[in-house]
Amino acid sequence: MLGEKEHRKWKLADVGLWLKNAFLAAIRGEFLLRLHVGKYFIHIIYTFFLFWVSIWLSLKIEKTLTRVEENRKVLQDTEIYHAQKTVELASMGKMSKIEDMLREKGSELTIPQKPADKLK
């Protein structure tokens, strides 16, 4: 006949004991053997490897996207700086503006009255 252990139903208090046994088996490396999945070990390792590669690639992609975003901000700042310098250069291109700036500095240079002479 069946023993008392086989007739006994599980109780909620048994869950803690099962978790303790599973944890100890995992630490000792017996967990897969107790579940009788030893013949699927290579599949488990392969699945673990695929998950690891997936996580690693996600981290690398995230790092690259972060770097791209930072570079985009730097590029935008550089474009703003370039536009400001272009505006300043265009405003300095006027001869009167340059003459005023020279007068402010105390120079006696003025706009040439005749074209430059060529020396031979």
PDB file of N, CA and C in Angstrom:
ATOM      1  N   MET A   1       0.832  -1.180   0.000  1.00  0.00           N
ATOM      2  CA  MET A   1       0.000   0.000   0.000  1.00  0.00           C
ATOM      3  C   MET A   1       0.881   1.249   0.000  1.00  0.00           C
ATOM      4  N   LEU A   2       0.250   2.339  -0.211  1.00  0.00           N
ATOM      5  CA  LEU A   2       0.983   3.594  -0.261  1.00  0.00           C
ATOM      6  C   LEU A   2       1.323   4.032   1.153  1.00  0.00           C
ATOM      7  N   GLY A   3       2.510   4.566   1.284  1.00  0.00           N
ATOM      8  CA  GLY A   3       2.942   5.037   2.598  1.00  0.00           C
ATOM      9  C   GLY A   3       2.277   6.356   2.965  1.00  0.00           C
ATOM     10  N   GLU A   4       2.516   6.735   4.205  1.00  0.00           N
ATOM     11  CA  GLU A   4       1.896   7.968   4.686  1.00  0.00           C
ATOM     12  C   GLU A   4       2.410   9.194   3.929  1.00  0.00           C
ATOM     13  N   LYS A   5       3.651   9.140   3.489  1.00  0.00           N
ATOM     14  CA  LYS A   5       4.238  10.258   2.760  1.00  0.00           C
ATOM     15  C   LYS A   5       3.533  10.484   1.426  1.00  0.00           C
ATOM     16  N   GLU A   6       3.127   9.410   0.752  1.00  0.00           N
ATOM     17  CA  GLU A   6       2.491   9.535  -0.550  1.00  0.00           C
ATOM     18  C   GLU A   6       1.045   9.986  -0.435  1.00  0.00           C
ATOM     19  N   HIS A   7       0.389   9.722   0.664  1.00  0.00           N
ATOM     20  CA  HIS A   7      -0.998  10.136   0.871  1.00  0.00           C
ATOM     21  C   HIS A   7      -1.081  11.576   1.363  1.00  0.00           C
ATOM     22  N   ARG A   8      -0.041  12.022   1.943  1.00  0.00           N
ATOM     23  CA  ARG A   8      -0.035  13.356   2.540  1.00  0.00           C
ATOM     24  C   ARG A   8      -0.128  14.428   1.463  1.00  0.00           C
ATOM     25  N   LYS A   9      -1.004  15.376   1.642  1.00  0.00           N
ATOM     26  CA  LYS A   9      -1.127  16.486   0.702  1.00  0.00           C
ATOM     27  C   LYS A   9      -0.196  17.591   1.145  1.00  0.00           C
ATOM     28  N   TRP A  10       0.146  18.451   0.230  1.00  0.00           N
ATOM     29  CA  TRP A  10       1.075  19.515   0.568  1.00  0.00           C
ATOM     30  C   TRP A  10       0.335  20.635   1.296  1.00  0.00           C
ATOM     31  N   LYS A  11       1.116  21.310   2.109  1.00  0.00           N
ATOM     32  CA  LYS A  11       0.581  22.437   2.878  1.00  0.00           C
ATOM     33  C   LYS A  11       1.335  23.691   2.458  1.00  0.00           C
ATOM     34  N   LEU A  12       0.805  24.831   2.839  1.00  0.00           N
ATOM     35  CA  LEU A  12       1.447  26.096   2.510  1.00  0.00           C
ATOM     36  C   LEU A  12       2.814  26.199   3.180  1.00  0.00           C
ATOM     37  N   ALA A  13       2.973  25.564   4.328  1.00  0.00           N
ATOM     38  CA  ALA A  13       4.248  25.603   5.041  1.00  0.00           C
ATOM     39  C   ALA A  13       5.335  24.838   4.273  1.00  0.00           C
ATOM     40  N   ASP A  14       4.937  23.937   3.384  1.00  0.00           N
ATOM     41  CA  ASP A  14       5.910  23.161   2.615  1.00  0.00           C
ATOM     42  C   ASP A  14       6.595  24.002   1.533  1.00  0.00           C
ATOM     43  N   VAL A  15       6.006  25.116   1.134  1.00  0.00           N
ATOM     44  CA  VAL A  15       6.581  25.953   0.075  1.00  0.00           C
ATOM     45  C   VAL A  15       7.945  26.472   0.497  1.00  0.00           C
ATOM     46  N   GLY A  16       8.070  26.904   1.744  1.00  0.00           N
ATOM     47  CA  GLY A  16       9.359  27.385   2.238  1.00  0.00           C
ATOM     48  C   GLY A  16      10.417  26.300   2.177  1.00  0.00           C
ATOM     49  N   LEU A  17      10.038  25.071   2.544  1.00  0.00           N
ATOM     50  CA  LEU A  17      10.978  23.943   2.508  1.00  0.00           C
ATOM     51  C   LEU A  17      11.386  23.642   1.066  1.00  0.00           C
ATOM     52  N   TRP A  18      10.430  23.708   0.137  1.00  0.00           N
ATOM     53  CA  TRP A  18      10.743  23.467  -1.270  1.00  0.00           C
ATOM     54  C   TRP A  18      11.695  24.531  -1.811  1.00  0.00           C
ATOM     55  N   LEU A  19      11.433  25.782  -1.453  1.00  0.00           N
ATOM     56  CA  LEU A  19      12.318  26.861  -1.905  1.00  0.00           C
ATOM     57  C   LEU A  19      13.720  26.701  -1.326  1.00  0.00           C
ATOM     58  N   LYS A  20      13.795  26.302  -0.062  1.00  0.00           N
ATOM     59  CA  LYS A  20      15.100  26.094   0.578  1.00  0.00           C
ATOM     60  C   LYS A  20      15.853  24.969  -0.134  1.00  0.00           C
ATOM     61  N   ASN A  21      15.170  23.871  -0.402  1.00  0.00           N
ATOM     62  CA  ASN A  21      15.803  22.741  -1.094  1.00  0.00           C
ATOM     63  C   ASN A  21      16.236  23.127  -2.516  1.00  0.00           C
ATOM     64  N   ALA A  22      15.396  23.900  -3.207  1.00  0.00           N
ATOM     65  CA  ALA A  22      15.747  24.332  -4.565  1.00  0.00           C
ATOM     66  C   ALA A  22      16.961  25.258  -4.536  1.00  0.00           C
ATOM     67  N   PHE A  23      17.013  26.161  -3.570  1.00  0.00           N
ATOM     68  CA  PHE A  23      18.145  27.072  -3.456  1.00  0.00           C
ATOM     69  C   PHE A  23      19.434  26.309  -3.159  1.00  0.00           C
ATOM     70  N   LEU A  24      19.366  25.378  -2.215  1.00  0.00           N
ATOM     71  CA  LEU A  24      20.558  24.587  -1.882  1.00  0.00           C
ATOM     72  C   LEU A  24      20.996  23.720  -3.063  1.00  0.00           C
ATOM     73  N   ALA A  25      20.024  23.158  -3.785  1.00  0.00           N
ATOM     74  CA  ALA A  25      20.356  22.345  -4.955  1.00  0.00           C
ATOM     75  C   ALA A  25      21.014  23.212  -6.036  1.00  0.00           C
ATOM     76  N   ALA A  26      20.536  24.439  -6.200  1.00  0.00           N
ATOM     77  CA  ALA A  26      21.126  25.325  -7.205  1.00  0.00           C
ATOM     78  C   ALA A  26      22.552  25.692  -6.820  1.00  0.00           C
ATOM     79  N   ILE A  27      22.797  25.919  -5.547  1.00  0.00           N
ATOM     80  CA  ILE A  27      24.155  26.246  -5.098  1.00  0.00           C
ATOM     81  C   ILE A  27      25.090  25.058  -5.296  1.00  0.00           C
ATOM     82  N   ARG A  28      24.612  23.882  -5.021  1.00  0.00           N
ATOM     83  CA  ARG A  28      25.443  22.677  -5.171  1.00  0.00           C
ATOM     84  C   ARG A  28      25.543  22.211  -6.620  1.00  0.00           C
ATOM     85  N   GLY A  29      24.733  22.788  -7.510  1.00  0.00           N
ATOM     86  CA  GLY A  29      24.767  22.392  -8.911  1.00  0.00           C
ATOM     87  C   GLY A  29      23.926  21.166  -9.203  1.00  0.00           C
ATOM     88  N   GLU A  30      23.008  20.813  -8.328  1.00  0.00           N
ATOM     89  CA  GLU A  30      22.173  19.624  -8.509  1.00  0.00           C
ATOM     90  C   GLU A  30      20.759  19.954  -8.989  1.00  0.00           C
ATOM     91  N   PHE A  31      20.482  21.225  -9.191  1.00  0.00           N
ATOM     92  CA  PHE A  31      19.103  21.627  -9.501  1.00  0.00           C
ATOM     93  C   PHE A  31      18.599  20.991 -10.791  1.00  0.00           C
ATOM     94  N   LEU A  32      19.396  21.067 -11.858  1.00  0.00           N
ATOM     95  CA  LEU A  32      18.967  20.496 -13.132  1.00  0.00           C
ATOM     96  C   LEU A  32      18.869  18.974 -13.059  1.00  0.00           C
ATOM     97  N   LEU A  33      19.751  18.355 -12.258  1.00  0.00           N
ATOM     98  CA  LEU A  33      19.693  16.898 -12.117  1.00  0.00           C
ATOM     99  C   LEU A  33      18.436  16.472 -11.373  1.00  0.00           C
ATOM    100  N   ARG A  34      18.042  17.259 -10.369  1.00  0.00           N
ATOM    101  CA  ARG A  34      16.814  16.927  -9.631  1.00  0.00           C
ATOM    102  C   ARG A  34      15.574  17.084 -10.505  1.00  0.00           C
ATOM    103  N   LEU A  35      15.629  18.007 -11.448  1.00  0.00           N
ATOM    104  CA  LEU A  35      14.496  18.195 -12.362  1.00  0.00           C
ATOM    105  C   LEU A  35      14.544  17.218 -13.539  1.00  0.00           C
ATOM    106  N   HIS A  36      15.579  16.399 -13.623  1.00  0.00           N
ATOM    107  CA  HIS A  36      15.766  15.396 -14.685  1.00  0.00           C
ATOM    108  C   HIS A  36      15.790  16.047 -16.063  1.00  0.00           C
ATOM    109  N   VAL A  37      16.530  17.141 -16.193  1.00  0.00           N
ATOM    110  CA  VAL A  37      16.669  17.805 -17.485  1.00  0.00           C
ATOM    111  C   VAL A  37      18.123  17.799 -17.932  1.00  0.00           C
ATOM    112  N   GLY A  38      18.878  16.833 -17.484  1.00  0.00           N
ATOM    113  CA  GLY A  38      20.290  16.746 -17.844  1.00  0.00           C
ATOM    114  C   GLY A  38      20.512  16.608 -19.331  1.00  0.00           C
ATOM    115  N   LYS A  39      19.602  15.926 -20.034  1.00  0.00           N
ATOM    116  CA  LYS A  39      19.776  15.739 -21.468  1.00  0.00           C
ATOM    117  C   LYS A  39      19.520  17.029 -22.249  1.00  0.00           C
ATOM    118  N   TYR A  40      18.907  18.023 -21.623  1.00  0.00           N
ATOM    119  CA  TYR A  40      18.662  19.313 -22.262  1.00  0.00           C
ATOM    120  C   TYR A  40      19.667  20.367 -21.826  1.00  0.00           C
ATOM    121  N   PHE A  41      20.742  19.949 -21.190  1.00  0.00           N
ATOM    122  CA  PHE A  41      21.711  20.899 -20.639  1.00  0.00           C
ATOM    123  C   PHE A  41      22.303  21.802 -21.708  1.00  0.00           C
ATOM    124  N   ILE A  42      22.654  21.229 -22.853  1.00  0.00           N
ATOM    125  CA  ILE A  42      23.257  22.036 -23.919  1.00  0.00           C
ATOM    126  C   ILE A  42      22.262  23.063 -24.432  1.00  0.00           C
ATOM    127  N   HIS A  43      20.983  22.724 -24.464  1.00  0.00           N
ATOM    128  CA  HIS A  43      19.963  23.672 -24.901  1.00  0.00           C
ATOM    129  C   HIS A  43      19.819  24.814 -23.890  1.00  0.00           C
ATOM    130  N   ILE A  44      19.936  24.488 -22.635  1.00  0.00           N
ATOM    131  CA  ILE A  44      19.850  25.506 -21.582  1.00  0.00           C
ATOM    132  C   ILE A  44      21.042  26.450 -21.681  1.00  0.00           C
ATOM    133  N   ILE A  45      22.226  25.897 -21.887  1.00  0.00           N
ATOM    134  CA  ILE A  45      23.426  26.728 -22.043  1.00  0.00           C
ATOM    135  C   ILE A  45      23.297  27.600 -23.280  1.00  0.00           C
ATOM    136  N   TYR A  46      22.804  27.039 -24.382  1.00  0.00           N
ATOM    137  CA  TYR A  46      22.629  27.798 -25.618  1.00  0.00           C
ATOM    138  C   TYR A  46      21.637  28.944 -25.423  1.00  0.00           C
ATOM    139  N   THR A  47      20.536  28.676 -24.741  1.00  0.00           N
ATOM    140  CA  THR A  47      19.541  29.720 -24.457  1.00  0.00           C
ATOM    141  C   THR A  47      20.144  30.805 -23.586  1.00  0.00           C
ATOM    142  N   PHE A  48      20.898  30.425 -22.565  1.00  0.00           N
ATOM    143  CA  PHE A  48      21.568  31.397 -21.702  1.00  0.00           C
ATOM    144  C   PHE A  48      22.519  32.263 -22.525  1.00  0.00           C
ATOM    145  N   PHE A  49      23.265  31.637 -23.419  1.00  0.00           N
ATOM    146  CA  PHE A  49      24.191  32.369 -24.281  1.00  0.00           C
ATOM    147  C   PHE A  49      23.449  33.357 -25.177  1.00  0.00           C
ATOM    148  N   LEU A  50      22.312  32.950 -25.757  1.00  0.00           N
ATOM    149  CA  LEU A  50      21.536  33.848 -26.607  1.00  0.00           C
ATOM    150  C   LEU A  50      21.003  35.037 -25.816  1.00  0.00           C
ATOM    151  N   PHE A  51      20.518  34.796 -24.592  1.00  0.00           N
ATOM    152  CA  PHE A  51      20.048  35.896 -23.747  1.00  0.00           C
ATOM    153  C   PHE A  51      21.188  36.844 -23.424  1.00  0.00           C
ATOM    154  N   TRP A  52      22.350  36.286 -23.114  1.00  0.00           N
ATOM    155  CA  TRP A  52      23.513  37.115 -22.770  1.00  0.00           C
ATOM    156  C   TRP A  52      23.915  37.987 -23.961  1.00  0.00           C
ATOM    157  N   VAL A  53      23.959  37.420 -25.153  1.00  0.00           N
ATOM    158  CA  VAL A  53      24.316  38.177 -26.351  1.00  0.00           C
ATOM    159  C   VAL A  53      23.280  39.264 -26.622  1.00  0.00           C
ATOM    160  N   SER A  54      22.011  38.937 -26.432  1.00  0.00           N
ATOM    161  CA  SER A  54      20.949  39.916 -26.641  1.00  0.00           C
ATOM    162  C   SER A  54      21.089  41.094 -25.683  1.00  0.00           C
ATOM    163  N   ILE A  55      21.341  40.839 -24.431  1.00  0.00           N
ATOM    164  CA  ILE A  55      21.520  41.906 -23.439  1.00  0.00           C
ATOM    165  C   ILE A  55      22.762  42.720 -23.768  1.00  0.00           C
ATOM    166  N   TRP A  56      23.842  42.055 -24.123  1.00  0.00           N
ATOM    167  CA  TRP A  56      25.100  42.751 -24.440  1.00  0.00           C
ATOM    168  C   TRP A  56      24.928  43.672 -25.648  1.00  0.00           C
ATOM    169  N   LEU A  57      24.268  43.179 -26.696  1.00  0.00           N
ATOM    170  CA  LEU A  57      24.035  44.006 -27.876  1.00  0.00           C
ATOM    171  C   LEU A  57      23.127  45.192 -27.554  1.00  0.00           C
ATOM    172  N   SER A  58      22.128  44.980 -26.721  1.00  0.00           N
ATOM    173  CA  SER A  58      21.249  46.085 -26.327  1.00  0.00           C
ATOM    174  C   SER A  58      22.035  47.165 -25.608  1.00  0.00           C
ATOM    175  N   LEU A  59      22.936  46.772 -24.736  1.00  0.00           N
ATOM    176  CA  LEU A  59      23.750  47.753 -24.016  1.00  0.00           C
ATOM    177  C   LEU A  59      24.671  48.511 -24.970  1.00  0.00           C
ATOM    178  N   LYS A  60      25.272  47.807 -25.925  1.00  0.00           N
ATOM    179  CA  LYS A  60      26.156  48.464 -26.888  1.00  0.00           C
ATOM    180  C   LYS A  60      25.371  49.447 -27.765  1.00  0.00           C
ATOM    181  N   ILE A  61      24.184  49.057 -28.187  1.00  0.00           N
ATOM    182  CA  ILE A  61      23.347  49.932 -29.014  1.00  0.00           C
ATOM    183  C   ILE A  61      22.941  51.166 -28.221  1.00  0.00           C
ATOM    184  N   GLU A  62      22.564  50.970 -26.962  1.00  0.00           N
ATOM    185  CA  GLU A  62      22.183  52.098 -26.110  1.00  0.00           C
ATOM    186  C   GLU A  62      23.350  53.063 -25.925  1.00  0.00           C
ATOM    187  N   LYS A  63      24.541  52.525 -25.728  1.00  0.00           N
ATOM    188  CA  LYS A  63      25.731  53.368 -25.565  1.00  0.00           C
ATOM    189  C   LYS A  63      26.002  54.168 -26.846  1.00  0.00           C
ATOM    190  N   THR A  64      25.869  53.524 -27.997  1.00  0.00           N
ATOM    191  CA  THR A  64      26.095  54.196 -29.267  1.00  0.00           C
ATOM    192  C   THR A  64      25.060  55.296 -29.491  1.00  0.00           C
ATOM    193  N   LEU A  65      23.799  55.018 -29.196  1.00  0.00           N
ATOM    194  CA  LEU A  65      22.759  56.028 -29.370  1.00  0.00           C
ATOM    195  C   LEU A  65      22.965  57.214 -28.437  1.00  0.00           C
ATOM    196  N   THR A  66      23.456  56.964 -27.227  1.00  0.00           N
ATOM    197  CA  THR A  66      23.749  58.051 -26.299  1.00  0.00           C
ATOM    198  C   THR A  66      24.863  58.928 -26.855  1.00  0.00           C
ATOM    199  N   ARG A  67      25.893  58.296 -27.386  1.00  0.00           N
ATOM    200  CA  ARG A  67      27.010  59.046 -27.969  1.00  0.00           C
ATOM    201  C   ARG A  67      26.547  59.852 -29.183  1.00  0.00           C
ATOM    202  N   VAL A  68      25.682  59.290 -30.008  1.00  0.00           N
ATOM    203  CA  VAL A  68      25.157  59.998 -31.175  1.00  0.00           C
ATOM    204  C   VAL A  68      24.362  61.225 -30.726  1.00  0.00           C
ATOM    205  N   GLU A  69      23.556  61.067 -29.690  1.00  0.00           N
ATOM    206  CA  GLU A  69      22.763  62.196 -29.194  1.00  0.00           C
ATOM    207  C   GLU A  69      23.655  63.300 -28.645  1.00  0.00           C
ATOM    208  N   GLU A  70      24.701  62.932 -27.910  1.00  0.00           N
ATOM    209  CA  GLU A  70      25.643  63.938 -27.397  1.00  0.00           C
ATOM    210  C   GLU A  70      26.336  64.655 -28.549  1.00  0.00           C
ATOM    211  N   ASN A  71      26.748  63.921 -29.565  1.00  0.00           N
ATOM    212  CA  ASN A  71      27.407  64.533 -30.725  1.00  0.00           C
ATOM    213  C   ASN A  71      26.453  65.431 -31.500  1.00  0.00           C
ATOM    214  N   ARG A  72      25.182  65.056 -31.531  1.00  0.00           N
ATOM    215  CA  ARG A  72      24.187  65.891 -32.207  1.00  0.00           C
ATOM    216  C   ARG A  72      24.056  67.241 -31.498  1.00  0.00           C
ATOM    217  N   LYS A  73      24.087  67.231 -30.175  1.00  0.00           N
ATOM    218  CA  LYS A  73      24.026  68.484 -29.414  1.00  0.00           C
ATOM    219  C   LYS A  73      25.261  69.341 -29.673  1.00  0.00           C
ATOM    220  N   VAL A  74      26.434  68.712 -29.695  1.00  0.00           N
ATOM    221  CA  VAL A  74      27.669  69.459 -29.982  1.00  0.00           C
ATOM    222  C   VAL A  74      27.615  70.043 -31.389  1.00  0.00           C
ATOM    223  N   LEU A  75      27.135  69.278 -32.347  1.00  0.00           N
ATOM    224  CA  LEU A  75      27.024  69.756 -33.724  1.00  0.00           C
ATOM    225  C   LEU A  75      26.058  70.930 -33.818  1.00  0.00           C
ATOM    226  N   GLN A  76      24.959  70.858 -33.106  1.00  0.00           N
ATOM    227  CA  GLN A  76      23.998  71.953 -33.117  1.00  0.00           C
ATOM    228  C   GLN A  76      24.616  73.223 -32.526  1.00  0.00           C
ATOM    229  N   ASP A  77      25.352  73.087 -31.419  1.00  0.00           N
ATOM    230  CA  ASP A  77      26.041  74.237 -30.827  1.00  0.00           C
ATOM    231  C   ASP A  77      27.056  74.822 -31.808  1.00  0.00           C
ATOM    232  N   THR A  78      27.780  73.961 -32.509  1.00  0.00           N
ATOM    233  CA  THR A  78      28.771  74.418 -33.484  1.00  0.00           C
ATOM    234  C   THR A  78      28.098  75.139 -34.648  1.00  0.00           C
ATOM    235  N   GLU A  79      26.949  74.645 -35.088  1.00  0.00           N
ATOM    236  CA  GLU A  79      26.224  75.304 -36.173  1.00  0.00           C
ATOM    237  C   GLU A  79      25.741  76.687 -35.743  1.00  0.00           C
ATOM    238  N   ILE A  80      25.289  76.810 -34.506  1.00  0.00           N
ATOM    239  CA  ILE A  80      24.869  78.115 -33.990  1.00  0.00           C
ATOM    240  C   ILE A  80      26.056  79.068 -33.950  1.00  0.00           C
ATOM    241  N   TYR A  81      27.188  78.599 -33.458  1.00  0.00           N
ATOM    242  CA  TYR A  81      28.401  79.421 -33.399  1.00  0.00           C
ATOM    243  C   TYR A  81      28.821  79.855 -34.803  1.00  0.00           C
ATOM    244  N   HIS A  82      28.758  78.929 -35.757  1.00  0.00           N
ATOM    245  CA  HIS A  82      29.125  79.232 -37.141  1.00  0.00           C
ATOM    246  C   HIS A  82      28.192  80.293 -37.721  1.00  0.00           C
ATOM    247  N   ALA A  83      26.909  80.174 -37.448  1.00  0.00           N
ATOM    248  CA  ALA A  83      25.951  81.159 -37.960  1.00  0.00           C
ATOM    249  C   ALA A  83      26.220  82.540 -37.367  1.00  0.00           C
ATOM    250  N   GLN A  84      26.562  82.606 -36.087  1.00  0.00           N
ATOM    251  CA  GLN A  84      26.883  83.890 -35.456  1.00  0.00           C
ATOM    252  C   GLN A  84      28.123  84.505 -36.090  1.00  0.00           C
ATOM    253  N   LYS A  85      29.139  83.701 -36.312  1.00  0.00           N
ATOM    254  CA  LYS A  85      30.364  84.215 -36.926  1.00  0.00           C
ATOM    255  C   LYS A  85      30.114  84.670 -38.366  1.00  0.00           C
ATOM    256  N   THR A  86      29.248  83.973 -39.074  1.00  0.00           N
ATOM    257  CA  THR A  86      28.922  84.365 -40.444  1.00  0.00           C
ATOM    258  C   THR A  86      28.229  85.713 -40.457  1.00  0.00           C
ATOM    259  N   VAL A  87      27.308  85.913 -39.529  1.00  0.00           N
ATOM    260  CA  VAL A  87      26.620  87.201 -39.437  1.00  0.00           C
ATOM    261  C   VAL A  87      27.609  88.303 -39.093  1.00  0.00           C
ATOM    262  N   GLU A  88      28.508  88.045 -38.137  1.00  0.00           N
ATOM    263  CA  GLU A  88      29.523  89.042 -37.774  1.00  0.00           C
ATOM    264  C   GLU A  88      30.422  89.363 -38.972  1.00  0.00           C
ATOM    265  N   LEU A  89      30.821  88.356 -39.711  1.00  0.00           N
ATOM    266  CA  LEU A  89      31.681  88.561 -40.876  1.00  0.00           C
ATOM    267  C   LEU A  89      30.963  89.353 -41.962  1.00  0.00           C
ATOM    268  N   ALA A  90      29.700  89.058 -42.175  1.00  0.00           N
ATOM    269  CA  ALA A  90      28.937  89.786 -43.193  1.00  0.00           C
ATOM    270  C   ALA A  90      28.788  91.251 -42.804  1.00  0.00           C
ATOM    271  N   SER A  91      28.602  91.505 -41.511  1.00  0.00           N
ATOM    272  CA  SER A  91      28.467  92.901 -41.094  1.00  0.00           C
ATOM    273  C   SER A  91      29.806  93.625 -41.156  1.00  0.00           C
ATOM    274  N   MET A  92      30.919  92.927 -41.013  1.00  0.00           N
ATOM    275  CA  MET A  92      32.241  93.544 -41.095  1.00  0.00           C
ATOM    276  C   MET A  92      32.683  93.736 -42.540  1.00  0.00           C
ATOM    277  N   GLY A  93      32.011  93.130 -43.440  1.00  0.00           N
ATOM    278  CA  GLY A  93      32.370  93.237 -44.839  1.00  0.00           C
ATOM    279  C   GLY A  93      32.110  94.616 -45.402  1.00  0.00           C
ATOM    280  N   LYS A  94      31.368  95.421 -44.718  1.00  0.00           N
ATOM    281  CA  LYS A  94      31.085  96.771 -45.195  1.00  0.00           C
ATOM    282  C   LYS A  94      32.275  97.664 -44.870  1.00  0.00           C
ATOM    283  N   MET A  95      32.709  98.387 -45.865  1.00  0.00           N
ATOM    284  CA  MET A  95      33.902  99.221 -45.700  1.00  0.00           C
ATOM    285  C   MET A  95      33.704 100.299 -44.636  1.00  0.00           C
ATOM    286  N   SER A  96      32.500 100.867 -44.571  1.00  0.00           N
ATOM    287  CA  SER A  96      32.264 101.930 -43.590  1.00  0.00           C
ATOM    288  C   SER A  96      32.381 101.391 -42.171  1.00  0.00           C
ATOM    289  N   LYS A  97      31.918 100.184 -41.963  1.00  0.00           N
ATOM    290  CA  LYS A  97      32.007  99.585 -40.633  1.00  0.00           C
ATOM    291  C   LYS A  97      33.482  99.394 -40.241  1.00  0.00           C
ATOM    292  N   ILE A  98      34.266  98.938 -41.199  1.00  0.00           N
ATOM    293  CA  ILE A  98      35.690  98.723 -40.932  1.00  0.00           C
ATOM    294  C   ILE A  98      36.382 100.058 -40.674  1.00  0.00           C
ATOM    295  N   GLU A  99      36.023 101.080 -41.444  1.00  0.00           N
ATOM    296  CA  GLU A  99      36.615 102.399 -41.240  1.00  0.00           C
ATOM    297  C   GLU A  99      36.272 102.937 -39.851  1.00  0.00           C
ATOM    298  N   ASP A 100      35.029 102.724 -39.418  1.00  0.00           N
ATOM    299  CA  ASP A 100      34.630 103.157 -38.062  1.00  0.00           C
ATOM    300  C   ASP A 100      35.426 102.412 -36.996  1.00  0.00           C
ATOM    301  N   MET A 101      35.616 101.120 -37.201  1.00  0.00           N
ATOM    302  CA  MET A 101      36.382 100.332 -36.219  1.00  0.00           C
ATOM    303  C   MET A 101      37.831 100.815 -36.169  1.00  0.00           C
ATOM    304  N   LEU A 102      38.399 101.150 -37.326  1.00  0.00           N
ATOM    305  CA  LEU A 102      39.781 101.649 -37.347  1.00  0.00           C
ATOM    306  C   LEU A 102      39.883 102.997 -36.633  1.00  0.00           C
ATOM    307  N   ARG A 103      38.912 103.876 -36.842  1.00  0.00           N
ATOM    308  CA  ARG A 103      38.910 105.164 -36.150  1.00  0.00           C
ATOM    309  C   ARG A 103      38.812 104.987 -34.640  1.00  0.00           C
ATOM    310  N   GLU A 104      37.987 104.015 -34.195  1.00  0.00           N
ATOM    311  CA  GLU A 104      37.843 103.741 -32.763  1.00  0.00           C
ATOM    312  C   GLU A 104      39.177 103.322 -32.155  1.00  0.00           C
ATOM    313  N   LYS A 105      39.959 102.595 -32.912  1.00  0.00           N
ATOM    314  CA  LYS A 105      41.264 102.131 -32.422  1.00  0.00           C
ATOM    315  C   LYS A 105      42.345 103.198 -32.533  1.00  0.00           C
ATOM    316  N   GLY A 106      42.024 104.319 -33.141  1.00  0.00           N
ATOM    317  CA  GLY A 106      42.993 105.395 -33.237  1.00  0.00           C
ATOM    318  C   GLY A 106      43.845 105.341 -34.487  1.00  0.00           C
ATOM    319  N   SER A 107      43.464 104.571 -35.476  1.00  0.00           N
ATOM    320  CA  SER A 107      44.246 104.460 -36.709  1.00  0.00           C
ATOM    321  C   SER A 107      43.859 105.586 -37.659  1.00  0.00           C
ATOM    322  N   GLU A 108      44.802 105.977 -38.506  1.00  0.00           N
ATOM    323  CA  GLU A 108      44.540 107.023 -39.493  1.00  0.00           C
ATOM    324  C   GLU A 108      44.258 106.434 -40.874  1.00  0.00           C
ATOM    325  N   LEU A 109      44.130 105.145 -40.966  1.00  0.00           N
ATOM    326  CA  LEU A 109      43.826 104.509 -42.259  1.00  0.00           C
ATOM    327  C   LEU A 109      42.404 104.848 -42.675  1.00  0.00           C
ATOM    328  N   THR A 110      42.223 105.027 -43.976  1.00  0.00           N
ATOM    329  CA  THR A 110      40.888 105.301 -44.525  1.00  0.00           C
ATOM    330  C   THR A 110      40.687 104.438 -45.751  1.00  0.00           C
ATOM    331  N   ILE A 111      39.530 104.572 -46.330  1.00  0.00           N
ATOM    332  CA  ILE A 111      39.243 103.829 -47.555  1.00  0.00           C
ATOM    333  C   ILE A 111      40.131 104.405 -48.662  1.00  0.00           C
ATOM    334  N   PRO A 112      40.765 103.561 -49.482  1.00  0.00           N
ATOM    335  CA  PRO A 112      41.643 104.071 -50.536  1.00  0.00           C
ATOM    336  C   PRO A 112      40.857 104.911 -51.548  1.00  0.00           C
ATOM    337  N   GLN A 113      41.489 105.998 -51.992  1.00  0.00           N
ATOM    338  CA  GLN A 113      40.854 106.891 -52.953  1.00  0.00           C
ATOM    339  C   GLN A 113      41.081 106.430 -54.393  1.00  0.00           C
ATOM    340  N   LYS A 114      42.184 105.738 -54.645  1.00  0.00           N
ATOM    341  CA  LYS A 114      42.494 105.245 -55.982  1.00  0.00           C
ATOM    342  C   LYS A 114      42.992 103.814 -55.855  1.00  0.00           C
ATOM    343  N   PRO A 115      42.966 103.035 -56.898  1.00  0.00           N
ATOM    344  CA  PRO A 115      43.438 101.659 -56.837  1.00  0.00           C
ATOM    345  C   PRO A 115      44.920 101.587 -56.531  1.00  0.00           C
ATOM    346  N   ALA A 116      45.361 100.483 -56.039  1.00  0.00           N
ATOM    347  CA  ALA A 116      46.773 100.305 -55.667  1.00  0.00           C
ATOM    348  C   ALA A 116      47.637 100.316 -56.915  1.00  0.00           C
ATOM    349  N   ASP A 117      48.844 100.846 -56.761  1.00  0.00           N
ATOM    350  CA  ASP A 117      49.812 100.866 -57.864  1.00  0.00           C
ATOM    351  C   ASP A 117      50.487  99.513 -57.959  1.00  0.00           C
ATOM    352  N   LYS A 118      50.762  99.083 -59.181  1.00  0.00           N
ATOM    353  CA  LYS A 118      51.457  97.811 -59.382  1.00  0.00           C
ATOM    354  C   LYS A 118      52.934  98.105 -59.578  1.00  0.00           C
ATOM    355  N   LEU A 119      53.761  97.385 -58.875  1.00  0.00           N
ATOM    356  CA  LEU A 119      55.206  97.542 -59.000  1.00  0.00           C
ATOM    357  C   LEU A 119      55.723  96.497 -59.987  1.00  0.00           C
ATOM    358  N   LYS A 120      56.693  96.935 -60.799  1.00  0.00           N
ATOM    359  CA  LYS A 120      57.240  96.004 -61.780  1.00  0.00           C
ATOM    360  C   LYS A 120      58.627  95.602 -61.366  1.00  0.00           C
TER     361      LYS A 120
END
